[in-house]
Protein backbone atom coordinates (compact mmCIF):
# COMPACT_ATOMS: atom_id res chain seq x y z
CA MET A 1 112.30 91.71 104.41
CA LEU A 2 111.74 94.88 102.41
CA THR A 3 110.83 92.86 99.33
CA ALA A 4 108.30 90.79 101.28
CA TRP A 5 106.77 93.91 102.81
CA GLY A 6 106.63 95.70 99.46
CA GLY A 7 105.03 92.70 97.78
CA GLY A 8 102.51 92.34 100.58
CA ALA A 9 101.64 96.03 100.56
CA PHE A 10 101.36 96.01 96.78
CA THR A 11 99.04 93.00 96.85
CA THR A 12 96.96 94.61 99.58
CA ILE A 13 96.48 97.84 97.62
CA ILE A 14 95.70 95.94 94.40
CA GLY A 15 93.05 93.91 96.26
CA ALA A 16 91.50 97.04 97.74
CA LEU A 17 91.49 98.84 94.39
CA ALA A 18 89.90 95.81 92.73
CA GLY A 19 87.14 95.84 95.34
CA ARG A 20 86.47 99.56 94.91
CA PHE A 21 86.56 99.35 91.10
CA MET A 22 84.04 96.49 91.18
CA TRP A 23 81.74 98.64 93.30
CA HIS A 24 82.30 101.67 91.08
CA GLY A 25 81.60 99.63 87.94
CA ASN A 26 78.38 98.35 89.45
CA GLU A 27 77.29 101.92 90.28
CA ALA A 28 78.15 103.04 86.74
CA ARG A 29 76.16 100.14 85.29
CA LYS A 30 73.14 101.18 87.39
CA GLY A 31 73.49 104.72 86.02
CA ASN A 32 74.23 106.29 89.41
CA ARG A 33 77.58 107.71 88.23
CA LYS A 34 79.75 108.02 85.15
CA PHE A 35 82.38 105.36 84.64
CA PHE A 36 85.11 107.91 83.91
CA GLY A 37 84.24 110.87 86.10
CA ARG A 38 85.44 112.85 89.08
CA GLU A 39 83.86 110.28 91.37
CA LEU A 40 86.53 107.79 90.33
CA LEU A 41 89.21 109.91 92.02
CA TRP A 42 87.47 109.53 95.39
CA GLU A 43 87.78 105.75 95.16
CA PHE A 44 91.57 105.84 95.65
CA PRO A 45 91.59 107.24 99.22
CA VAL A 46 88.68 104.96 100.13
CA ALA A 47 90.60 101.96 98.77
CA VAL A 48 93.71 102.86 100.75
CA GLY A 49 91.71 103.39 103.93
CA MET A 50 89.84 100.13 103.50
CA ALA A 51 93.15 98.36 102.80
CA LEU A 52 94.51 99.59 106.13
CA ILE A 53 91.35 98.57 107.97
CA GLY A 54 91.24 95.20 106.22
CA GLU A 55 94.89 94.50 106.94
CA GLY A 56 94.29 95.27 110.61
CA VAL A 57 91.27 92.96 110.76
CA ALA A 58 93.15 90.19 108.93
CA SER A 59 96.10 90.54 111.29
CA TYR A 60 93.81 90.47 114.33
CA VAL A 61 92.06 87.32 113.10
CA GLY A 62 95.37 85.72 112.07
CA MET A 63 94.71 85.25 108.35
CA SER A 64 97.47 84.34 105.92
CA GLN A 65 98.27 86.44 102.84
CA PRO A 66 95.87 85.04 100.19
CA ALA A 67 92.92 85.02 102.59
CA SER A 68 93.72 88.50 103.90
CA THR A 69 93.79 89.88 100.35
CA GLY A 70 90.32 88.43 99.77
CA LEU A 71 89.07 89.96 103.00
CA ILE A 72 90.53 93.33 102.03
CA ALA A 73 88.90 93.20 98.59
CA ALA A 74 85.54 92.32 100.17
CA LEU A 75 85.78 95.13 102.72
CA ALA A 76 86.86 97.58 100.03
CA TYR A 77 83.86 96.56 97.93
CA LEU A 78 81.57 97.24 100.87
CA GLY A 79 83.27 100.55 101.59
CA PRO A 80 83.13 102.48 104.84
CA ARG A 81 79.33 102.52 105.11
CA GLY A 82 78.87 98.85 104.23
CA THR A 83 81.58 97.82 106.65
CA GLU A 84 79.96 99.90 109.39
CA VAL A 85 76.59 98.20 108.82
CA LEU A 86 78.25 94.77 108.81
CA PHE A 87 80.07 95.57 112.07
CA GLN A 88 76.90 96.89 113.73
CA ARG A 89 74.97 93.73 112.84
CA TRP A 90 77.78 91.51 114.12
CA PHE A 91 78.20 93.57 117.30
CA SER A 92 74.47 93.63 118.07
CA LYS A 93 74.37 89.82 117.86
CA LYS A 94 77.42 89.59 120.15
CA VAL A 95 75.91 91.90 122.77
CA ALA A 96 72.38 90.47 122.68
């Protein structure tokens, strides 16, 4: 069980880091930040936080491991602000 949990957690973090690094690379390409700068250090806590949020959402929806990793990478790419906007749009359609 520990091996399965460790592998799942490792895959989750790798997916979240991949999502954040894709976003960071896009920002560096636009010239908004340096590729190797202090800003890169802030991506690690964001990736871990988005991995936890994404894992919770995937568990709630009932996704299996490969699909949940994709969801986590997508949410990590969006980041906290993008995820908030996505949730607000979804919630406003649900309520209205």
